[in-house]
């Protein structure tokens, strides 16, 4: 068995590749086909822990994790063989087949391509041998001619798999027909032949007003517009590639405002998507003290560069905003890197994190210390909260499943223990609470994806991922031309 490959390309980043890929995974899976997603190289600090190549735990981009769930497939590292986790504007940590590669991380960007290409093709070929359909997601644009020679994620993958490709554009940006034509025109003839349809995404208004544009485009390229997708803000799937929605709408009257600190190297922000769907919750991405004003909760999320983001936090004055909020009894939650920042100190004698060599003071809201180690903790985890108090009382006895991704190891501050200042351990080795009860730090990612946690904290249920995936597939099926999606996988 060799799977048919369908590939979703975009004229730009943010065109809609990730959610269209997810929708296709669910569409084909609902037909009883065995489906797997694939993205050769992803650049994102949103990662999930999955089954690794040797049975150990590894990590892949969150988008491919969600796509695998949409396909009813077990997520594994082959679905995203190369993950780049940005640590600075010019430096990324390279994760190869689920494991950090220090050799590749230190290598110049253009030098990596030929070293990782064999791993990419092996992973894709293995998935093709096990499935009926592989839905492949591209990255950025396939027509970046300055990058074509070192391409490992777009048309080189398409040629290897002889994939039937859809090219998606964001019509809300303007210039959609030029984007589609220009992208097609910059491809080599054998690559143009793989483009089986254009998709106009984020359209507002009457689709009849697009005429005669689609026909003119088809006359120029021989490729038809196979779907015009209306603007859809609240489809429920987390944003990809660190792009977050700054709109602060809530469903119904606002009863709680949650401010999530949006530092430059924020990671795993996708875990907050469910909060956007909770009735009455207003989610704010805070980059200034003013954005925290009036918040009921302040959340310190994960970070790919904890020490560097802590410096940024202080430069913005956000450290004082968080400390003052806590001093006034406001609820503060730190997750992973956020937990580490809430402690007394961060120690990195190995230079694990950028700008972190030596010791750095934390915010001092929890009497904890964190030491960074070369080995990274990667694991799926399920645990139960003990007794909590203060604003987090409702979590007492709640069981949560999630994942851990961290180099730091956190424990009680010995000097403060001697002085009687001890953090209450409310989840063994994973979560601690201050004496007043309003500050909680936790290593477990994915709390807000747990229905029991949402019910406890908000008394509300939110759409499940299954509902989201079915909604995406229904939307795509409704707005695609009849028969187009099935034609993509029809064997000649």
Protein backbone atom coordinates (compact mmCIF):
# COMPACT_ATOMS: atom_id res chain seq x y z
CA UNK A 1 0.00 0.00 0.00
CA UNK A 2 1.29 3.44 -0.95
CA UNK A 3 -0.81 6.35 0.20
CA UNK A 4 -2.08 9.08 -2.07
CA UNK A 5 -0.62 12.41 -0.94
CA UNK A 6 -2.61 15.63 -0.83
CA UNK A 7 -0.59 18.76 -0.05
CA UNK A 8 -1.77 22.16 1.19
CA UNK A 9 0.45 25.05 0.14
CA UNK A 10 0.00 28.75 0.85
CA UNK A 11 0.89 31.96 -0.93
CA UNK A 12 2.02 33.39 2.44
CA UNK A 13 2.34 32.43 6.06
CA UNK A 14 -1.03 32.69 7.78
CA UNK A 15 -2.97 31.90 4.60
CA UNK A 16 -4.83 29.04 6.31
CA UNK A 17 -2.72 25.99 5.48
CA UNK A 18 -2.86 24.45 8.96
CA UNK A 19 -6.61 24.48 9.44
CA UNK A 20 -7.32 23.38 5.85
CA UNK A 21 -4.91 20.46 6.38
CA UNK A 22 -6.72 19.60 9.61
CA UNK A 23 -10.09 19.75 7.88
CA UNK A 24 -8.86 17.46 5.10
CA UNK A 25 -7.54 14.96 7.66
CA UNK A 26 -10.99 14.71 9.23
CA UNK A 27 -12.79 14.70 5.86
CA UNK A 28 -10.84 11.70 4.57
CA UNK A 29 -10.88 9.89 7.92
CA UNK A 30 -14.68 10.13 8.01
CA UNK A 31 -14.71 8.14 4.76
CA UNK A 32 -13.15 5.21 6.56
CA UNK A 33 -9.68 5.83 5.14
CA UNK A 34 -6.51 5.49 7.16
CA UNK A 35 -5.05 9.00 7.23
CA UNK A 36 -1.89 10.62 8.56
CA UNK A 37 -0.70 14.25 8.51
CA UNK A 38 2.83 15.32 7.61
CA UNK A 39 4.89 18.50 7.69
CA UNK A 40 8.57 18.10 6.86
CA UNK A 41 9.74 21.10 8.83
CA UNK A 42 7.79 23.29 11.20
CA UNK A 43 8.99 26.45 12.92
CA UNK A 44 7.05 26.94 16.12
CA UNK A 45 7.41 27.05 19.88
CA UNK A 46 4.07 25.27 20.13
CA UNK A 47 5.01 21.62 20.62
CA UNK A 48 3.42 18.44 21.94
CA UNK A 49 4.89 15.29 23.43
CA UNK A 50 4.24 12.17 21.32
CA UNK A 51 5.61 8.69 20.67
CA UNK A 52 9.25 8.87 19.56
CA UNK A 53 11.14 6.82 17.00
CA UNK A 54 12.49 4.32 19.55
CA UNK A 55 9.42 4.24 21.77
CA UNK A 56 10.74 7.05 23.93
CA UNK A 57 8.91 10.36 24.11
CA UNK A 58 9.60 13.01 21.48
CA UNK A 59 8.10 16.31 20.38
CA UNK A 60 6.41 17.61 17.25
CA UNK A 61 4.68 20.84 16.30
CA UNK A 62 1.24 21.27 17.84
CA UNK A 63 -0.39 21.68 14.43
CA UNK A 64 0.62 18.16 13.39
CA UNK A 65 -0.50 16.84 16.78
CA UNK A 66 -3.99 18.26 16.25
CA UNK A 67 -4.02 17.09 12.63
CA UNK A 68 -3.26 13.54 13.76
CA UNK A 69 -6.15 13.67 16.23
CA UNK A 70 -8.38 14.94 13.43
CA UNK A 71 -7.28 11.94 11.36
CA UNK A 72 -7.97 9.57 14.29
CA UNK A 73 -4.29 8.60 14.12
CA UNK A 74 -1.78 8.08 16.92
CA UNK A 75 0.56 11.10 16.88
CA UNK A 76 4.21 10.24 16.33
CA UNK A 77 7.43 12.05 15.47
CA UNK A 78 7.39 10.99 11.80
CA UNK A 79 4.52 13.41 11.22
CA UNK A 80 6.89 16.35 11.80
CA UNK A 81 10.46 15.10 11.45
CA UNK A 82 12.07 18.55 11.80
CA UNK A 83 10.87 21.11 14.33
CA UNK A 84 12.62 24.47 14.69
CA UNK A 85 11.99 26.15 18.05
CA UNK A 86 13.06 29.82 17.84
CA UNK A 87 15.24 31.01 20.72
CA UNK A 88 16.20 34.38 19.20
CA UNK A 89 15.68 36.19 15.90
CA UNK A 90 18.67 34.42 14.35
CA UNK A 91 18.83 31.16 16.31
CA UNK A 92 16.58 28.12 16.72
CA UNK A 93 16.81 24.84 18.55
CA UNK A 94 16.55 21.99 16.05
CA UNK A 95 14.45 18.98 17.00
CA UNK A 96 15.07 16.03 14.66
CA UNK A 97 12.71 13.07 14.82
CA UNK A 98 11.50 14.27 18.20
CA UNK A 99 14.90 14.81 19.82
CA UNK A 100 17.00 17.94 20.23
CA UNK A 101 20.05 17.90 17.94
CA UNK A 102 22.80 20.12 19.30
CA UNK A 103 24.87 19.48 16.15
CA UNK A 104 22.13 20.77 13.83
CA UNK A 105 21.24 23.61 16.19
CA UNK A 106 24.80 24.90 15.94
CA UNK A 107 24.97 24.50 12.16
CA UNK A 108 24.32 27.38 9.71
CA UNK A 109 20.72 27.28 8.46
CA UNK A 110 21.49 26.51 4.82
CA UNK A 111 23.85 23.71 5.78
CA UNK A 112 21.16 21.65 7.47
CA UNK A 113 19.02 20.80 4.45
CA UNK A 114 20.94 17.87 3.02
CA UNK A 115 21.56 16.42 6.48
CA UNK A 116 17.88 16.33 7.39
CA UNK A 117 16.44 15.46 3.96
CA UNK A 118 17.05 11.68 4.30
CA UNK A 119 15.18 11.71 7.61
CA UNK A 120 12.31 13.63 6.01
CA UNK A 121 11.91 11.24 3.10
CA UNK A 122 12.23 8.17 5.33
CA UNK A 123 9.50 9.48 7.64
CA UNK A 124 7.19 10.37 4.76
CA UNK A 125 7.75 7.08 2.96
CA UNK A 126 7.04 5.14 6.15
CA UNK A 127 3.75 7.00 6.64
CA UNK A 128 2.82 6.42 2.99
CA UNK A 129 3.42 2.69 3.41
CA UNK A 130 1.05 2.53 6.41
CA UNK A 131 -1.82 4.75 5.28
CA UNK A 132 -4.34 5.31 2.51
CA UNK A 133 -3.93 9.09 2.48
CA UNK A 134 -1.20 11.40 3.77
CA UNK A 135 -2.19 15.06 4.03
CA UNK A 136 0.93 17.21 3.80
CA UNK A 137 1.24 20.81 4.96
CA UNK A 138 3.73 23.18 3.38
CA UNK A 139 5.39 26.15 5.05
CA UNK A 140 5.31 29.83 4.18
CA UNK A 141 5.26 30.08 0.39
CA UNK A 142 6.56 27.52 -2.13
CA UNK A 143 7.72 30.37 -4.39
CA UNK A 144 10.47 31.83 -2.21
CA UNK A 145 12.99 31.68 -5.04
CA UNK A 146 15.88 32.63 -2.75
CA UNK A 147 15.20 29.47 -0.73
CA UNK A 148 14.35 27.06 -3.52
CA UNK A 149 17.80 25.45 -3.70
CA UNK A 150 17.63 24.46 -0.02
CA UNK A 151 13.90 23.69 0.11
CA UNK A 152 12.95 20.69 2.24
CA UNK A 153 9.34 21.50 3.08
CA UNK A 154 7.44 22.65 -0.01
CA UNK A 155 7.90 21.63 -3.66
CA UNK A 156 10.76 19.24 -3.00
CA UNK A 157 8.40 17.29 -0.76
CA UNK A 158 5.59 17.63 -3.31
CA UNK A 159 7.80 16.21 -6.07
CA UNK A 160 9.03 13.35 -3.87
CA UNK A 161 5.46 12.34 -3.03
CA UNK A 162 3.92 13.37 -6.36
CA UNK A 163 1.35 15.13 -4.21
CA UNK A 164 -1.85 16.69 -5.54
CA UNK A 165 -1.52 20.25 -4.24
CA UNK A 166 -3.98 22.94 -3.24
CA UNK A 167 -2.67 26.52 -3.12
CA UNK A 168 -4.41 28.62 -0.45
CA UNK A 169 -4.40 32.42 -0.30
CA UNK A 170 -5.75 34.91 2.23
CA UNK A 171 -8.07 37.11 0.19
CA UNK A 172 -8.67 39.38 3.19
CA UNK A 173 -5.13 40.75 2.77
CA UNK A 174 -5.91 41.95 -0.75
CA UNK A 175 -4.11 40.99 -3.94
CA UNK A 176 -5.25 37.38 -3.79
CA UNK A 177 -5.31 36.78 -7.55
CA UNK A 178 -1.84 38.28 -7.91
CA UNK A 179 -0.60 36.11 -5.03
CA UNK A 180 -1.97 32.98 -6.66
CA UNK A 181 -0.77 33.81 -10.16
CA UNK A 182 2.65 35.03 -8.99
CA UNK A 183 3.22 31.93 -6.87
CA UNK A 184 2.19 29.62 -9.72
CA UNK A 185 4.32 31.55 -12.25
CA UNK A 186 7.47 31.30 -10.11
CA UNK A 187 7.26 27.51 -9.90
CA UNK A 188 9.10 25.26 -12.32
CA UNK A 189 6.89 23.60 -14.99
CA UNK A 190 7.00 20.18 -13.29
CA UNK A 191 5.97 21.84 -10.02
CA UNK A 192 3.12 23.79 -11.62
CA UNK A 193 1.76 20.48 -12.86
CA UNK A 194 1.24 19.41 -9.24
CA UNK A 195 -1.10 22.33 -8.45
CA UNK A 196 -4.64 20.91 -8.69
CA UNK A 197 -6.64 23.82 -7.33
CA UNK A 198 -6.64 27.32 -5.87
CA UNK A 199 -8.42 28.14 -2.59
CA UNK A 200 -9.58 31.64 -1.65
CA UNK A 201 -9.68 31.84 2.15
CA UNK A 202 -11.15 34.48 4.51
CA UNK A 203 -13.56 35.95 1.96
CA UNK A 204 -16.11 38.53 3.11
CA UNK A 205 -19.19 39.36 1.08
CA UNK A 206 -20.95 38.00 -1.98
CA UNK A 207 -18.79 35.43 -3.82
CA UNK A 208 -20.54 36.35 -7.09
CA UNK A 209 -18.61 39.63 -7.03
CA UNK A 210 -15.36 37.70 -7.58
CA UNK A 211 -16.26 37.14 -11.25
CA UNK A 212 -14.61 37.26 -13.71
CA UNK A 213 -11.43 36.87 -11.61
CA UNK A 214 -11.51 33.08 -11.10
CA UNK A 215 -12.11 32.39 -14.80
CA UNK A 216 -9.38 34.83 -15.86
CA UNK A 217 -6.98 33.13 -13.44
CA UNK A 218 -7.90 29.72 -14.85
CA UNK A 219 -7.35 31.00 -18.41
CA UNK A 220 -3.84 32.13 -17.40
CA UNK A 221 -2.83 29.03 -15.43
CA UNK A 222 -5.12 26.15 -16.35
CA UNK A 223 -5.92 25.81 -12.63
CA UNK A 224 -9.40 26.48 -11.27
CA UNK A 225 -10.53 28.02 -7.99
CA UNK A 226 -11.93 24.98 -6.22
CA UNK A 227 -13.12 26.61 -2.99
CA UNK A 228 -14.03 30.05 -1.70
CA UNK A 229 -14.04 29.95 2.09
CA UNK A 230 -15.85 32.69 4.01
CA UNK A 231 -14.14 34.52 6.87
CA UNK A 232 -14.46 32.39 10.01
CA UNK A 233 -12.91 33.80 13.15
CA UNK A 234 -14.00 31.28 15.76
CA UNK A 235 -13.46 27.85 14.24
CA UNK A 236 -11.94 26.69 17.54
CA UNK A 237 -8.55 25.47 16.30
CA UNK A 238 -5.50 27.09 17.92
CA UNK A 239 -3.52 29.52 15.79
CA UNK A 240 -0.29 28.12 14.35
CA UNK A 241 3.30 29.41 14.28
CA UNK A 242 3.07 31.63 17.34
CA UNK A 243 0.45 33.88 15.73
CA UNK A 244 -2.24 34.77 18.19
CA UNK A 245 -5.53 36.55 17.87
CA UNK A 246 -5.38 39.92 19.62
CA UNK A 247 -9.14 40.40 19.58
CA UNK A 248 -10.55 40.19 23.08
CA UNK A 249 -14.14 39.19 22.36
CA UNK A 250 -16.06 37.09 24.84
CA UNK A 251 -19.15 34.98 24.28
CA UNK A 252 -21.88 36.76 26.23
CA UNK A 253 -21.36 39.23 29.10
CA UNK A 254 -17.81 39.25 30.48
CA UNK A 255 -17.58 37.59 33.89
CA UNK A 256 -13.82 36.97 34.04
CA UNK A 257 -10.84 38.58 32.33
CA UNK A 258 -7.72 36.45 31.93
CA UNK A 259 -4.50 38.27 30.95
CA UNK A 260 -1.84 35.99 29.46
CA UNK A 261 1.62 37.60 29.42
CA UNK A 262 2.76 37.52 25.78
CA UNK A 263 6.54 37.60 26.03
CA UNK A 264 8.60 37.38 22.82
CA UNK A 265 9.44 33.67 23.15
CA UNK A 266 6.09 32.51 24.46
CA UNK A 267 5.60 28.78 23.92
CA UNK A 268 2.65 26.41 23.84
CA UNK A 269 0.19 29.29 23.59
CA UNK A 270 -2.18 26.93 21.78
CA UNK A 271 -3.17 25.46 25.15
CA UNK A 272 -5.14 28.65 25.87
CA UNK A 273 -7.45 28.24 22.87
CA UNK A 274 -10.22 26.67 25.02
CA UNK A 275 -10.41 29.85 27.09
CA UNK A 276 -11.58 31.71 23.97
CA UNK A 277 -14.56 29.38 23.83
CA UNK A 278 -15.66 29.62 27.49
CA UNK A 279 -18.78 31.79 27.82
CA UNK A 280 -18.08 35.02 29.67
CA UNK A 281 -14.27 34.73 29.56
CA UNK A 282 -12.33 37.60 27.99
CA UNK A 283 -8.80 36.56 27.01
CA UNK A 284 -6.18 39.33 26.76
CA UNK A 285 -2.63 38.94 25.43
CA UNK A 286 -0.69 41.33 27.69
CA UNK A 287 2.47 43.07 26.51
CA UNK A 288 2.24 46.06 28.84
CA UNK A 289 1.16 46.75 32.45
CA UNK A 290 -1.91 48.57 31.11
CA UNK A 291 -3.12 45.35 29.48
CA UNK A 292 -3.14 43.68 32.92
CA UNK A 293 -5.30 46.37 34.51
CA UNK A 294 -8.64 44.97 35.57
CA UNK A 295 -7.65 41.35 34.98
CA UNK A 296 -9.06 38.74 37.34
CA UNK A 297 -6.25 36.33 36.55
CA UNK A 298 -2.74 36.87 35.26
CA UNK A 299 -1.22 33.84 33.56
CA UNK A 300 2.52 33.44 33.04
CA UNK A 301 2.73 30.94 30.15
CA UNK A 302 5.60 28.75 28.98
CA UNK A 303 8.69 30.22 27.35
CA UNK A 304 11.34 28.88 25.00
CA UNK A 305 13.86 31.33 26.53
CA UNK A 306 12.81 31.80 30.13
CA UNK A 307 15.72 33.99 31.26
CA UNK A 308 15.53 36.23 28.18
CA UNK A 309 11.77 36.61 28.53
CA UNK A 310 12.20 37.42 32.22
CA UNK A 311 14.55 40.26 31.23
CA UNK A 312 11.94 41.47 28.73
CA UNK A 313 9.25 41.23 31.43
CA UNK A 314 11.24 43.58 33.64
CA UNK A 315 12.00 45.97 30.78
CA UNK A 316 8.26 46.36 30.16
CA UNK A 317 7.44 46.84 33.85
CA UNK A 318 5.30 43.74 33.72
CA UNK A 319 7.18 42.17 36.63
CA UNK A 320 5.80 44.85 38.94
CA UNK A 321 2.33 44.50 37.44
CA UNK A 322 2.33 40.78 38.28
CA UNK A 323 3.78 41.31 41.78
CA UNK A 324 1.28 44.06 42.59
CA UNK A 325 -1.61 41.97 41.27
CA UNK A 326 -0.55 39.12 43.57
CA UNK A 327 -0.04 41.47 46.54
CA UNK A 328 -3.62 42.65 46.16
CA UNK A 329 -4.84 39.05 46.30
CA UNK A 330 -5.26 38.63 42.54
CA UNK A 331 -4.97 35.15 41.08
CA UNK A 332 -1.68 34.32 39.33
CA UNK A 333 -0.95 31.10 37.43
CA UNK A 334 2.48 30.15 36.12
CA UNK A 335 2.85 27.27 33.65
CA UNK A 336 6.28 25.69 33.03
CA UNK A 337 8.55 28.66 32.21
CA UNK A 338 6.01 30.90 33.93
CA UNK A 339 6.29 28.75 37.07
CA UNK A 340 10.07 29.11 36.93
CA UNK A 341 9.79 32.92 36.69
CA UNK A 342 7.51 33.03 39.74
CA UNK A 343 10.21 31.44 41.92
CA UNK A 344 13.15 32.98 43.75
CA UNK A 345 15.91 32.17 41.28
CA UNK A 346 16.89 30.46 38.02
CA UNK A 347 20.31 28.84 37.78
CA UNK A 348 21.87 27.80 34.48
CA UNK A 349 25.52 26.80 34.71
CA UNK A 350 25.47 24.97 31.36
CA UNK A 351 24.16 27.78 29.16
CA UNK A 352 21.05 25.76 28.29
CA UNK A 353 18.97 28.86 27.65
CA UNK A 354 20.02 32.01 25.77
CA UNK A 355 21.14 34.83 28.08
CA UNK A 356 20.83 32.50 31.06
CA UNK A 357 24.41 31.57 32.01
CA UNK A 358 24.73 32.01 35.78
CA UNK A 359 22.02 33.00 38.22
CA UNK A 360 18.98 35.22 37.68
CA UNK A 361 16.44 36.34 40.28
CA UNK A 362 12.82 35.38 39.76
CA UNK A 363 9.75 37.36 40.82
CA UNK A 364 9.83 35.88 44.31
CA UNK A 365 6.14 34.95 44.45
CA UNK A 366 6.87 31.29 45.20
CA UNK A 367 9.75 30.09 47.46
CA UNK A 368 11.17 27.85 44.74
CA UNK A 369 14.44 27.58 42.84
CA UNK A 370 14.95 26.21 39.34
CA UNK A 371 18.15 24.66 38.00
CA UNK A 372 18.54 24.01 34.27
CA UNK A 373 19.99 20.68 33.14
CA UNK A 374 21.23 19.37 29.79
CA UNK A 375 18.60 16.63 29.72
CA UNK A 376 15.11 17.73 28.73
CA UNK A 377 12.04 16.32 30.46
CA UNK A 378 9.57 15.13 27.82
CA UNK A 379 6.58 13.12 28.92
CA UNK A 380 2.85 12.75 28.86
CA UNK A 381 1.56 13.09 32.41
CA UNK A 382 -1.66 12.55 34.30
CA UNK A 383 -1.92 13.69 37.92
CA UNK A 384 -4.44 14.77 40.53
CA UNK A 385 -4.41 18.04 42.42
CA UNK A 386 -4.34 17.81 46.21
CA UNK A 387 -6.11 20.31 48.42
CA UNK A 388 -5.83 23.90 47.20
CA UNK A 389 -7.17 27.12 48.66
CA UNK A 390 -7.88 30.65 47.53
CA UNK A 391 -9.08 31.22 43.95
CA UNK A 392 -7.81 27.80 42.92
CA UNK A 393 -9.86 25.85 45.51
CA UNK A 394 -12.12 24.43 42.80
CA UNK A 395 -9.18 22.43 41.41
CA UNK A 396 -8.89 20.35 44.60
CA UNK A 397 -9.17 16.69 43.67
CA UNK A 398 -9.34 17.40 39.92
CA UNK A 399 -7.38 15.03 37.70
CA UNK A 400 -5.61 16.54 34.70
CA UNK A 401 -3.71 14.95 31.85
CA UNK A 402 -1.19 16.91 29.81
CA UNK A 403 2.46 17.04 28.94
CA UNK A 404 5.81 18.30 30.22
CA UNK A 405 8.56 19.94 28.15
CA UNK A 406 11.30 21.55 30.24
CA UNK A 407 15.03 21.62 30.96
CA UNK A 408 14.55 23.21 34.38
CA UNK A 409 14.05 21.24 37.57
CA UNK A 410 12.28 23.03 40.40
CA UNK A 411 12.35 22.47 44.14
CA UNK A 412 11.86 24.25 47.45
CA UNK A 413 14.27 27.07 48.36
CA UNK A 414 16.31 25.56 51.21
CA UNK A 415 17.07 28.84 52.96
CA UNK A 416 13.44 29.84 52.96
CA UNK A 417 12.43 26.43 54.29
CA UNK A 418 14.62 27.13 57.31
CA UNK A 419 12.73 30.39 57.76
CA UNK A 420 9.38 28.65 57.59
CA UNK A 421 8.50 29.97 54.15
CA UNK A 422 7.45 26.90 52.18
CA UNK A 423 5.45 26.46 48.99
CA UNK A 424 2.61 23.98 49.34
CA UNK A 425 3.13 21.08 46.93
CA UNK A 426 -0.36 20.50 45.53
CA UNK A 427 0.60 18.07 42.77
CA UNK A 428 3.67 15.94 43.52
CA UNK A 429 6.71 17.36 41.72
CA UNK A 430 4.47 19.32 39.37
CA UNK A 431 2.59 22.11 41.11
CA UNK A 432 3.06 24.44 44.07
CA UNK A 433 0.92 27.10 45.76
CA UNK A 434 1.87 30.04 47.98
CA UNK A 435 0.65 30.31 51.57
CA UNK A 436 -2.00 32.89 50.69
CA UNK A 437 -3.36 30.57 48.01
CA UNK A 438 -3.60 33.05 45.15
CA UNK A 439 -0.35 32.10 43.32
CA UNK A 440 -0.16 28.69 41.66
CA UNK A 441 2.71 27.32 39.58
CA UNK A 442 2.45 24.15 37.53
CA UNK A 443 4.69 22.22 35.12
CA UNK A 444 1.74 20.51 33.45
CA UNK A 445 0.81 21.95 30.06
CA UNK A 446 -2.72 21.44 28.78
CA UNK A 447 -4.73 22.23 31.91
CA UNK A 448 -7.33 24.22 30.00
CA UNK A 449 -7.77 21.40 27.50
CA UNK A 450 -9.07 19.19 30.31
CA UNK A 451 -12.91 19.26 30.52
CA UNK A 452 -12.84 18.54 34.28
CA UNK A 453 -10.57 21.54 34.88
CA UNK A 454 -12.79 23.84 32.81
CA UNK A 455 -15.89 22.67 34.64
CA UNK A 456 -14.21 23.19 38.01
CA UNK A 457 -12.90 26.68 37.22
CA UNK A 458 -15.73 28.06 35.10
CA UNK A 459 -18.67 25.73 35.58
CA UNK A 460 -18.79 25.51 31.83
CA UNK A 461 -18.22 23.07 29.06
CA UNK A 462 -16.54 24.13 25.83
CA UNK A 463 -16.60 22.50 22.41
CA UNK A 464 -14.52 19.35 22.37
CA UNK A 465 -11.75 18.87 19.84
CA UNK A 466 -13.92 16.29 18.10
CA UNK A 467 -16.60 18.95 17.64
CA UNK A 468 -13.98 21.37 16.31
CA UNK A 469 -12.55 18.86 13.82
CA UNK A 470 -15.99 17.90 12.51
CA UNK A 471 -16.87 21.58 12.19
CA UNK A 472 -13.75 22.24 10.11
CA UNK A 473 -14.47 19.33 7.80
CA UNK A 474 -18.13 20.34 7.42
CA UNK A 475 -17.11 23.91 6.57
CA UNK A 476 -14.62 22.81 3.92
CA UNK A 477 -17.04 20.33 2.39
CA UNK A 478 -19.78 22.97 2.27
CA UNK A 479 -17.68 25.57 0.43
CA UNK A 480 -15.55 23.40 -1.87
CA UNK A 481 -16.72 22.67 -5.38
CA UNK A 482 -18.62 19.34 -5.53
CA UNK A 483 -16.36 16.31 -5.92
CA UNK A 484 -13.08 18.25 -5.70
CA UNK A 485 -11.89 16.81 -2.38
CA UNK A 486 -12.54 13.25 -3.48
CA UNK A 487 -10.94 13.82 -6.88
CA UNK A 488 -7.71 14.71 -5.11
CA UNK A 489 -7.32 11.16 -3.80
CA UNK A 490 -8.74 9.28 -6.77
CA UNK A 491 -6.04 6.98 -8.13
CA UNK A 492 -5.56 7.31 -11.87
